[in-house]
Amino acid sequence: MSMTTEAETIAELIADCADIPRPEVPEVRQAAIAPPWTVDAACHAQVAELDEYV
């Protein structure tokens, strides 16, 4: 890449851009999968007598 002159053709511009280092991209990790949600007897008992769960 030439810092003293500007590219005169598209080919020179592409060549200059190819010399620019790419930023490091961190590896994307897969999110942990949460266990399925279940309703147990204690949870059900908390709302069993309510007409509307709010």
PDB file of N, CA and C in Angstrom:
ATOM      1  N   MET A   1       0.849  -1.170   0.000  1.00  0.00           N
ATOM      2  CA  MET A   1       0.000   0.000   0.000  1.00  0.00           C
ATOM      3  C   MET A   1       0.889   1.225   0.000  1.00  0.00           C
ATOM      4  N   SER A   2       0.589   2.132  -0.836  1.00  0.00           N
ATOM      5  CA  SER A   2       1.375   3.354  -0.940  1.00  0.00           C
ATOM      6  C   SER A   2       0.677   4.461  -0.163  1.00  0.00           C
ATOM      7  N   MET A   3       1.376   5.038   0.798  1.00  0.00           N
ATOM      8  CA  MET A   3       0.795   6.109   1.602  1.00  0.00           C
ATOM      9  C   MET A   3       1.041   7.476   0.970  1.00  0.00           C
ATOM     10  N   THR A   4       1.885   7.539  -0.042  1.00  0.00           N
ATOM     11  CA  THR A   4       2.248   8.828  -0.610  1.00  0.00           C
ATOM     12  C   THR A   4       1.424   9.217  -1.816  1.00  0.00           C
ATOM     13  N   THR A   5       0.845   8.272  -2.519  1.00  0.00           N
ATOM     14  CA  THR A   5       0.058   8.596  -3.701  1.00  0.00           C
ATOM     15  C   THR A   5      -1.310   7.941  -3.606  1.00  0.00           C
ATOM     16  N   GLU A   6      -2.245   8.540  -4.285  1.00  0.00           N
ATOM     17  CA  GLU A   6      -3.581   7.956  -4.351  1.00  0.00           C
ATOM     18  C   GLU A   6      -3.647   6.978  -5.505  1.00  0.00           C
ATOM     19  N   ALA A   7      -4.518   6.004  -5.380  1.00  0.00           N
ATOM     20  CA  ALA A   7      -4.700   5.026  -6.450  1.00  0.00           C
ATOM     21  C   ALA A   7      -5.274   5.730  -7.675  1.00  0.00           C
ATOM     22  N   GLU A   8      -4.746   5.384  -8.823  1.00  0.00           N
ATOM     23  CA  GLU A   8      -5.214   5.993 -10.061  1.00  0.00           C
ATOM     24  C   GLU A   8      -6.182   5.089 -10.808  1.00  0.00           C
ATOM     25  N   THR A   9      -6.204   3.812 -10.460  1.00  0.00           N
ATOM     26  CA  THR A   9      -7.126   2.884 -11.102  1.00  0.00           C
ATOM     27  C   THR A   9      -7.832   2.080 -10.025  1.00  0.00           C
ATOM     28  N   ILE A  10      -8.922   1.469 -10.418  1.00  0.00           N
ATOM     29  CA  ILE A  10      -9.653   0.625  -9.469  1.00  0.00           C
ATOM     30  C   ILE A  10      -8.801  -0.571  -9.048  1.00  0.00           C
ATOM     31  N   ALA A  11      -7.977  -1.078  -9.938  1.00  0.00           N
ATOM     32  CA  ALA A  11      -7.103  -2.208  -9.610  1.00  0.00           C
ATOM     33  C   ALA A  11      -6.097  -1.816  -8.530  1.00  0.00           C
ATOM     34  N   GLU A  12      -5.549  -0.592  -8.624  1.00  0.00           N
ATOM     35  CA  GLU A  12      -4.615  -0.127  -7.596  1.00  0.00           C
ATOM     36  C   GLU A  12      -5.338   0.057  -6.264  1.00  0.00           C
ATOM     37  N   LEU A  13      -6.545   0.571  -6.325  1.00  0.00           N
ATOM     38  CA  LEU A  13      -7.324   0.756  -5.102  1.00  0.00           C
ATOM     39  C   LEU A  13      -7.609  -0.582  -4.429  1.00  0.00           C
ATOM     40  N   ILE A  14      -7.994  -1.576  -5.210  1.00  0.00           N
ATOM     41  CA  ILE A  14      -8.262  -2.910  -4.658  1.00  0.00           C
ATOM     42  C   ILE A  14      -6.989  -3.504  -4.074  1.00  0.00           C
ATOM     43  N   ALA A  15      -5.878  -3.337  -4.771  1.00  0.00           N
ATOM     44  CA  ALA A  15      -4.606  -3.855  -4.265  1.00  0.00           C
ATOM     45  C   ALA A  15      -4.228  -3.169  -2.955  1.00  0.00           C
ATOM     46  N   ASP A  16      -4.443  -1.847  -2.880  1.00  0.00           N
ATOM     47  CA  ASP A  16      -4.145  -1.127  -1.640  1.00  0.00           C
ATOM     48  C   ASP A  16      -5.042  -1.614  -0.502  1.00  0.00           C
ATOM     49  N   CYS A  17      -6.325  -1.822  -0.801  1.00  0.00           N
ATOM     50  CA  CYS A  17      -7.257  -2.273   0.236  1.00  0.00           C
ATOM     51  C   CYS A  17      -6.933  -3.694   0.699  1.00  0.00           C
ATOM     52  N   ALA A  18      -6.413  -4.507  -0.196  1.00  0.00           N
ATOM     53  CA  ALA A  18      -6.063  -5.883   0.163  1.00  0.00           C
ATOM     54  C   ALA A  18      -4.937  -5.919   1.181  1.00  0.00           C
ATOM     55  N   ASP A  19      -4.150  -4.852   1.249  1.00  0.00           N
ATOM     56  CA  ASP A  19      -3.039  -4.794   2.200  1.00  0.00           C
ATOM     57  C   ASP A  19      -3.479  -4.378   3.603  1.00  0.00           C
ATOM     58  N   ILE A  20      -4.687  -3.898   3.735  1.00  0.00           N
ATOM     59  CA  ILE A  20      -5.192  -3.475   5.052  1.00  0.00           C
ATOM     60  C   ILE A  20      -5.493  -4.731   5.868  1.00  0.00           C
ATOM     61  N   PRO A  21      -4.916  -4.844   7.076  1.00  0.00           N
ATOM     62  CA  PRO A  21      -5.175  -6.044   7.885  1.00  0.00           C
ATOM     63  C   PRO A  21      -6.633  -6.077   8.360  1.00  0.00           C
ATOM     64  N   ARG A  22      -7.167  -7.279   8.403  1.00  0.00           N
ATOM     65  CA  ARG A  22      -8.539  -7.454   8.880  1.00  0.00           C
ATOM     66  C   ARG A  22      -8.541  -7.451  10.408  1.00  0.00           C
ATOM     67  N   PRO A  23      -9.576  -6.895  11.018  1.00  0.00           N
ATOM     68  CA  PRO A  23      -9.657  -6.933  12.482  1.00  0.00           C
ATOM     69  C   PRO A  23      -9.910  -8.359  12.949  1.00  0.00           C
ATOM     70  N   GLU A  24      -9.406  -8.653  14.132  1.00  0.00           N
ATOM     71  CA  GLU A  24      -9.641  -9.978  14.685  1.00  0.00           C
ATOM     72  C   GLU A  24     -11.078 -10.051  15.186  1.00  0.00           C
ATOM     73  N   VAL A  25     -11.765 -11.091  14.785  1.00  0.00           N
ATOM     74  CA  VAL A  25     -13.156 -11.292  15.199  1.00  0.00           C
ATOM     75  C   VAL A  25     -13.171 -12.443  16.197  1.00  0.00           C
ATOM     76  N   PRO A  26     -13.695 -12.179  17.409  1.00  0.00           N
ATOM     77  CA  PRO A  26     -13.725 -13.267  18.393  1.00  0.00           C
ATOM     78  C   PRO A  26     -14.635 -14.395  17.920  1.00  0.00           C
ATOM     79  N   GLU A  27     -14.267 -15.599  18.305  1.00  0.00           N
ATOM     80  CA  GLU A  27     -15.055 -16.769  17.942  1.00  0.00           C
ATOM     81  C   GLU A  27     -16.395 -16.728  18.671  1.00  0.00           C
ATOM     82  N   VAL A  28     -17.454 -16.970  17.949  1.00  0.00           N
ATOM     83  CA  VAL A  28     -18.791 -16.950  18.539  1.00  0.00           C
ATOM     84  C   VAL A  28     -19.076 -18.315  19.149  1.00  0.00           C
ATOM     85  N   ARG A  29     -19.375 -18.299  20.442  1.00  0.00           N
ATOM     86  CA  ARG A  29     -19.692 -19.554  21.121  1.00  0.00           C
ATOM     87  C   ARG A  29     -21.191 -19.763  21.111  1.00  0.00           C
ATOM     88  N   GLN A  30     -21.585 -21.006  21.056  1.00  0.00           N
ATOM     89  CA  GLN A  30     -23.002 -21.340  21.127  1.00  0.00           C
ATOM     90  C   GLN A  30     -23.482 -21.131  22.565  1.00  0.00           C
ATOM     91  N   ALA A  31     -24.629 -20.512  22.714  1.00  0.00           N
ATOM     92  CA  ALA A  31     -25.194 -20.283  24.042  1.00  0.00           C
ATOM     93  C   ALA A  31     -25.609 -21.621  24.655  1.00  0.00           C
ATOM     94  N   ALA A  32     -25.468 -21.702  25.948  1.00  0.00           N
ATOM     95  CA  ALA A  32     -25.882 -22.911  26.649  1.00  0.00           C
ATOM     96  C   ALA A  32     -27.398 -23.063  26.531  1.00  0.00           C
ATOM     97  N   ILE A  33     -27.842 -24.236  26.296  1.00  0.00           N
ATOM     98  CA  ILE A  33     -29.272 -24.497  26.170  1.00  0.00           C
ATOM     99  C   ILE A  33     -29.842 -24.745  27.555  1.00  0.00           C
ATOM    100  N   ALA A  34     -30.838 -23.944  27.910  1.00  0.00           N
ATOM    101  CA  ALA A  34     -31.465 -24.072  29.224  1.00  0.00           C
ATOM    102  C   ALA A  34     -32.330 -25.323  29.254  1.00  0.00           C
ATOM    103  N   PRO A  35     -32.409 -25.956  30.407  1.00  0.00           N
ATOM    104  CA  PRO A  35     -33.279 -27.133  30.512  1.00  0.00           C
ATOM    105  C   PRO A  35     -34.738 -26.708  30.323  1.00  0.00           C
ATOM    106  N   PRO A  36     -35.583 -27.587  29.852  1.00  0.00           N
ATOM    107  CA  PRO A  36     -36.986 -27.223  29.649  1.00  0.00           C
ATOM    108  C   PRO A  36     -37.654 -26.862  30.976  1.00  0.00           C
ATOM    109  N   TRP A  37     -38.574 -25.906  30.911  1.00  0.00           N
ATOM    110  CA  TRP A  37     -39.277 -25.460  32.095  1.00  0.00           C
ATOM    111  C   TRP A  37     -40.441 -26.395  32.369  1.00  0.00           C
ATOM    112  N   THR A  38     -40.583 -26.783  33.616  1.00  0.00           N
ATOM    113  CA  THR A  38     -41.693 -27.668  33.991  1.00  0.00           C
ATOM    114  C   THR A  38     -42.408 -27.090  35.215  1.00  0.00           C
ATOM    115  N   VAL A  39     -43.660 -27.403  35.346  1.00  0.00           N
ATOM    116  CA  VAL A  39     -44.447 -26.970  36.497  1.00  0.00           C
ATOM    117  C   VAL A  39     -44.538 -28.136  37.465  1.00  0.00           C
ATOM    118  N   ASP A  40     -44.014 -27.927  38.673  1.00  0.00           N
ATOM    119  CA  ASP A  40     -44.118 -28.984  39.674  1.00  0.00           C
ATOM    120  C   ASP A  40     -45.308 -28.677  40.595  1.00  0.00           C
ATOM    121  N   ALA A  41     -45.551 -29.551  41.537  1.00  0.00           N
ATOM    122  CA  ALA A  41     -46.717 -29.402  42.426  1.00  0.00           C
ATOM    123  C   ALA A  41     -46.633 -28.126  43.253  1.00  0.00           C
ATOM    124  N   ALA A  42     -45.443 -27.752  43.713  1.00  0.00           N
ATOM    125  CA  ALA A  42     -45.296 -26.551  44.538  1.00  0.00           C
ATOM    126  C   ALA A  42     -45.624 -25.298  43.720  1.00  0.00           C
ATOM    127  N   CYS A  43     -45.185 -25.263  42.491  1.00  0.00           N
ATOM    128  CA  CYS A  43     -45.463 -24.125  41.612  1.00  0.00           C
ATOM    129  C   CYS A  43     -46.964 -24.044  41.315  1.00  0.00           C
ATOM    130  N   HIS A  44     -47.558 -25.164  41.031  1.00  0.00           N
ATOM    131  CA  HIS A  44     -48.996 -25.199  40.735  1.00  0.00           C
ATOM    132  C   HIS A  44     -49.806 -24.779  41.949  1.00  0.00           C
ATOM    133  N   ALA A  45     -49.385 -25.163  43.143  1.00  0.00           N
ATOM    134  CA  ALA A  45     -50.116 -24.837  44.365  1.00  0.00           C
ATOM    135  C   ALA A  45     -50.144 -23.331  44.612  1.00  0.00           C
ATOM    136  N   GLN A  46     -49.146 -22.605  44.157  1.00  0.00           N
ATOM    137  CA  GLN A  46     -49.102 -21.162  44.371  1.00  0.00           C
ATOM    138  C   GLN A  46     -50.219 -20.443  43.630  1.00  0.00           C
ATOM    139  N   VAL A  47     -50.676 -20.990  42.530  1.00  0.00           N
ATOM    140  CA  VAL A  47     -51.685 -20.302  41.718  1.00  0.00           C
ATOM    141  C   VAL A  47     -52.987 -21.099  41.576  1.00  0.00           C
ATOM    142  N   ALA A  48     -53.078 -22.213  42.244  1.00  0.00           N
ATOM    143  CA  ALA A  48     -54.237 -23.093  42.063  1.00  0.00           C
ATOM    144  C   ALA A  48     -55.544 -22.416  42.440  1.00  0.00           C
ATOM    145  N   GLU A  49     -55.540 -21.570  43.441  1.00  0.00           N
ATOM    146  CA  GLU A  49     -56.781 -20.944  43.922  1.00  0.00           C
ATOM    147  C   GLU A  49     -57.043 -19.593  43.254  1.00  0.00           C
ATOM    148  N   LEU A  50     -56.177 -19.102  42.439  1.00  0.00           N
ATOM    149  CA  LEU A  50     -56.370 -17.810  41.796  1.00  0.00           C
ATOM    150  C   LEU A  50     -57.229 -17.967  40.546  1.00  0.00           C
ATOM    151  N   ASP A  51     -58.167 -17.026  40.373  1.00  0.00           N
ATOM    152  CA  ASP A  51     -58.976 -17.047  39.163  1.00  0.00           C
ATOM    153  C   ASP A  51     -58.167 -16.560  37.961  1.00  0.00           C
ATOM    154  N   GLU A  52     -57.325 -15.579  38.224  1.00  0.00           N
ATOM    155  CA  GLU A  52     -56.495 -15.031  37.144  1.00  0.00           C
ATOM    156  C   GLU A  52     -55.060 -14.909  37.663  1.00  0.00           C
ATOM    157  N   TYR A  53     -54.132 -15.486  36.950  1.00  0.00           N
ATOM    158  CA  TYR A  53     -52.727 -15.410  37.355  1.00  0.00           C
ATOM    159  C   TYR A  53     -52.154 -14.104  36.815  1.00  0.00           C
ATOM    160  N   VAL A  54     -51.739 -13.237  37.716  1.00  0.00           N
ATOM    161  CA  VAL A  54     -51.228 -11.937  37.301  1.00  0.00           C
ATOM    162  C   VAL A  54     -49.788 -11.809  37.721  1.00  0.00           C
TER     163      VAL A  54
END
